[in-house]
Amino acid sequence: MPLYVLAAVLEIAGCFAVWSWWRGASIVWLIPAAIALAGFAYLLALAPPTHAGRSYAAYGGVYIAASVAWLALIERTRPDWADLAGAGLALAGAALILWAPRG
C-alpha cells in the first residue's frame, strides 16, 4: 500500500497545483502539476495486482483517505466525523479488494 499512498500524494499535489492555477496562481504552477501527475501515473502502473481495474479500485480507497489527510495537513481544515468515517470505509474497501482470498 505504500505505493498507493505515494501515488495519491502525487495525484493530489498535481491536481492541487492545477486547481491553484485555475484560481489565479501563476501559470508556472502547471510545471510541478505535470511532473506530479506523470509521477502518479507511473507509480500506479507499478501497482502489484495483475488486473488494472482491481488495482485502480483499491487505489481509490487510498486516494480518498489521502485527500482527507491533505484537507487536514495542507489546507489546515479539520476533517469532520463524516470525512473520517468515509475515509475509513474507503480504506476497508481497498483492503478487501487487495487482500480478499480468491480462488
Protein backbone atom coordinates (compact mmCIF):
# COMPACT_ATOMS: atom_id res chain seq x y z
CA MET A 1 0.00 0.00 0.00
CA PRO A 2 2.89 2.50 0.34
CA LEU A 3 2.97 2.69 -3.45
CA TYR A 4 -0.66 3.77 -3.46
CA VAL A 5 -0.02 6.36 -0.75
CA LEU A 6 2.83 7.96 -2.70
CA ALA A 7 0.77 7.86 -5.90
CA ALA A 8 -2.11 9.55 -4.08
CA VAL A 9 0.13 12.31 -2.71
CA LEU A 10 1.46 12.99 -6.21
CA GLU A 11 -2.01 12.99 -7.75
CA ILE A 12 -3.46 15.30 -5.11
CA ALA A 13 -0.46 17.65 -5.30
CA GLY A 14 -0.68 17.76 -9.11
CA CYS A 15 -4.39 18.40 -9.09
CA PHE A 16 -3.99 21.00 -6.33
CA ALA A 17 -1.41 22.83 -8.47
CA VAL A 18 -3.82 22.90 -11.42
CA TRP A 19 -6.63 23.97 -9.08
CA SER A 20 -4.43 26.81 -7.78
CA TRP A 21 -3.53 27.97 -11.29
CA TRP A 22 -7.18 27.85 -12.34
CA ARG A 23 -7.98 30.16 -9.43
CA GLY A 24 -5.40 32.77 -10.33
CA ALA A 25 -1.96 31.45 -9.36
CA SER A 26 0.91 31.76 -11.83
CA ILE A 27 0.94 29.53 -14.90
CA VAL A 28 4.27 28.23 -13.56
CA TRP A 29 2.17 26.06 -11.22
CA LEU A 30 1.43 23.86 -14.23
CA ILE A 31 5.05 22.65 -14.35
CA PRO A 32 5.04 20.90 -10.96
CA ALA A 33 1.47 19.79 -11.74
CA ALA A 34 2.61 17.97 -14.87
CA ILE A 35 5.57 16.39 -13.09
CA ALA A 36 3.46 15.24 -10.15
CA LEU A 37 0.71 13.82 -12.36
CA ALA A 38 3.22 11.98 -14.54
CA GLY A 39 4.79 10.52 -11.37
CA PHE A 40 1.36 9.47 -10.14
CA ALA A 41 0.59 7.64 -13.39
CA TYR A 42 3.98 5.92 -13.35
CA LEU A 43 3.62 4.74 -9.75
CA LEU A 44 0.09 3.49 -10.24
CA ALA A 45 1.27 1.46 -13.23
CA LEU A 46 3.70 -0.32 -10.88
CA ALA A 47 0.92 -1.47 -8.55
CA PRO A 48 1.02 -5.22 -7.87
CA PRO A 49 -2.47 -6.58 -8.74
CA THR A 50 -2.48 -8.38 -12.07
CA HIS A 51 -5.67 -6.63 -13.19
CA ALA A 52 -5.61 -2.86 -13.70
CA GLY A 53 -9.24 -2.42 -12.69
CA ARG A 54 -8.66 -4.11 -9.33
CA SER A 55 -5.56 -2.04 -8.74
CA TYR A 56 -7.33 1.22 -9.60
CA ALA A 57 -10.32 0.32 -7.43
CA ALA A 58 -8.10 -0.36 -4.42
CA TYR A 59 -6.17 2.84 -5.12
CA GLY A 60 -9.44 4.78 -4.99
CA GLY A 61 -9.83 4.00 -1.30
CA VAL A 62 -6.30 5.15 -0.53
CA TYR A 63 -6.90 8.31 -2.60
CA ILE A 64 -9.99 9.16 -0.55
CA ALA A 65 -8.10 8.77 2.74
CA ALA A 66 -5.13 10.76 1.41
CA SER A 67 -7.48 13.54 0.31
CA VAL A 68 -8.86 13.79 3.84
CA ALA A 69 -5.29 13.90 5.18
CA TRP A 70 -4.49 16.66 2.64
CA LEU A 71 -7.51 18.58 3.91
CA ALA A 72 -6.12 18.42 7.44
CA LEU A 73 -2.38 18.80 6.84
CA ILE A 74 -2.12 21.14 3.86
CA GLU A 75 -5.40 23.05 3.88
CA ARG A 76 -5.48 23.21 7.69
CA THR A 77 -9.16 22.25 7.83
CA ARG A 78 -10.22 19.78 10.47
CA PRO A 79 -11.98 16.75 8.97
CA ASP A 80 -15.38 16.10 10.50
CA TRP A 81 -16.86 12.75 11.51
CA ALA A 82 -18.23 12.09 8.03
CA ASP A 83 -14.84 12.75 6.40
CA LEU A 84 -13.14 10.33 8.78
CA ALA A 85 -15.85 7.68 8.59
CA GLY A 86 -15.89 7.86 4.80
CA ALA A 87 -12.11 7.55 4.62
CA GLY A 88 -12.24 4.57 6.97
CA LEU A 89 -14.89 2.85 4.87
CA ALA A 90 -12.91 3.54 1.71
CA LEU A 91 -9.76 2.04 3.23
CA ALA A 92 -11.73 -1.01 4.38
CA GLY A 93 -12.98 -1.42 0.82
CA ALA A 94 -9.48 -1.06 -0.59
CA ALA A 95 -8.16 -3.67 1.84
CA LEU A 96 -10.95 -6.07 0.88
CA ILE A 97 -10.21 -5.60 -2.82
CA LEU A 98 -6.47 -6.09 -2.35
CA TRP A 99 -6.34 -8.90 0.17
CA ALA A 100 -9.53 -10.93 -0.19
CA PRO A 101 -8.82 -14.61 -0.82
CA ARG A 102 -9.59 -15.51 -4.42
CA GLY A 103 -9.95 -18.95 -5.92
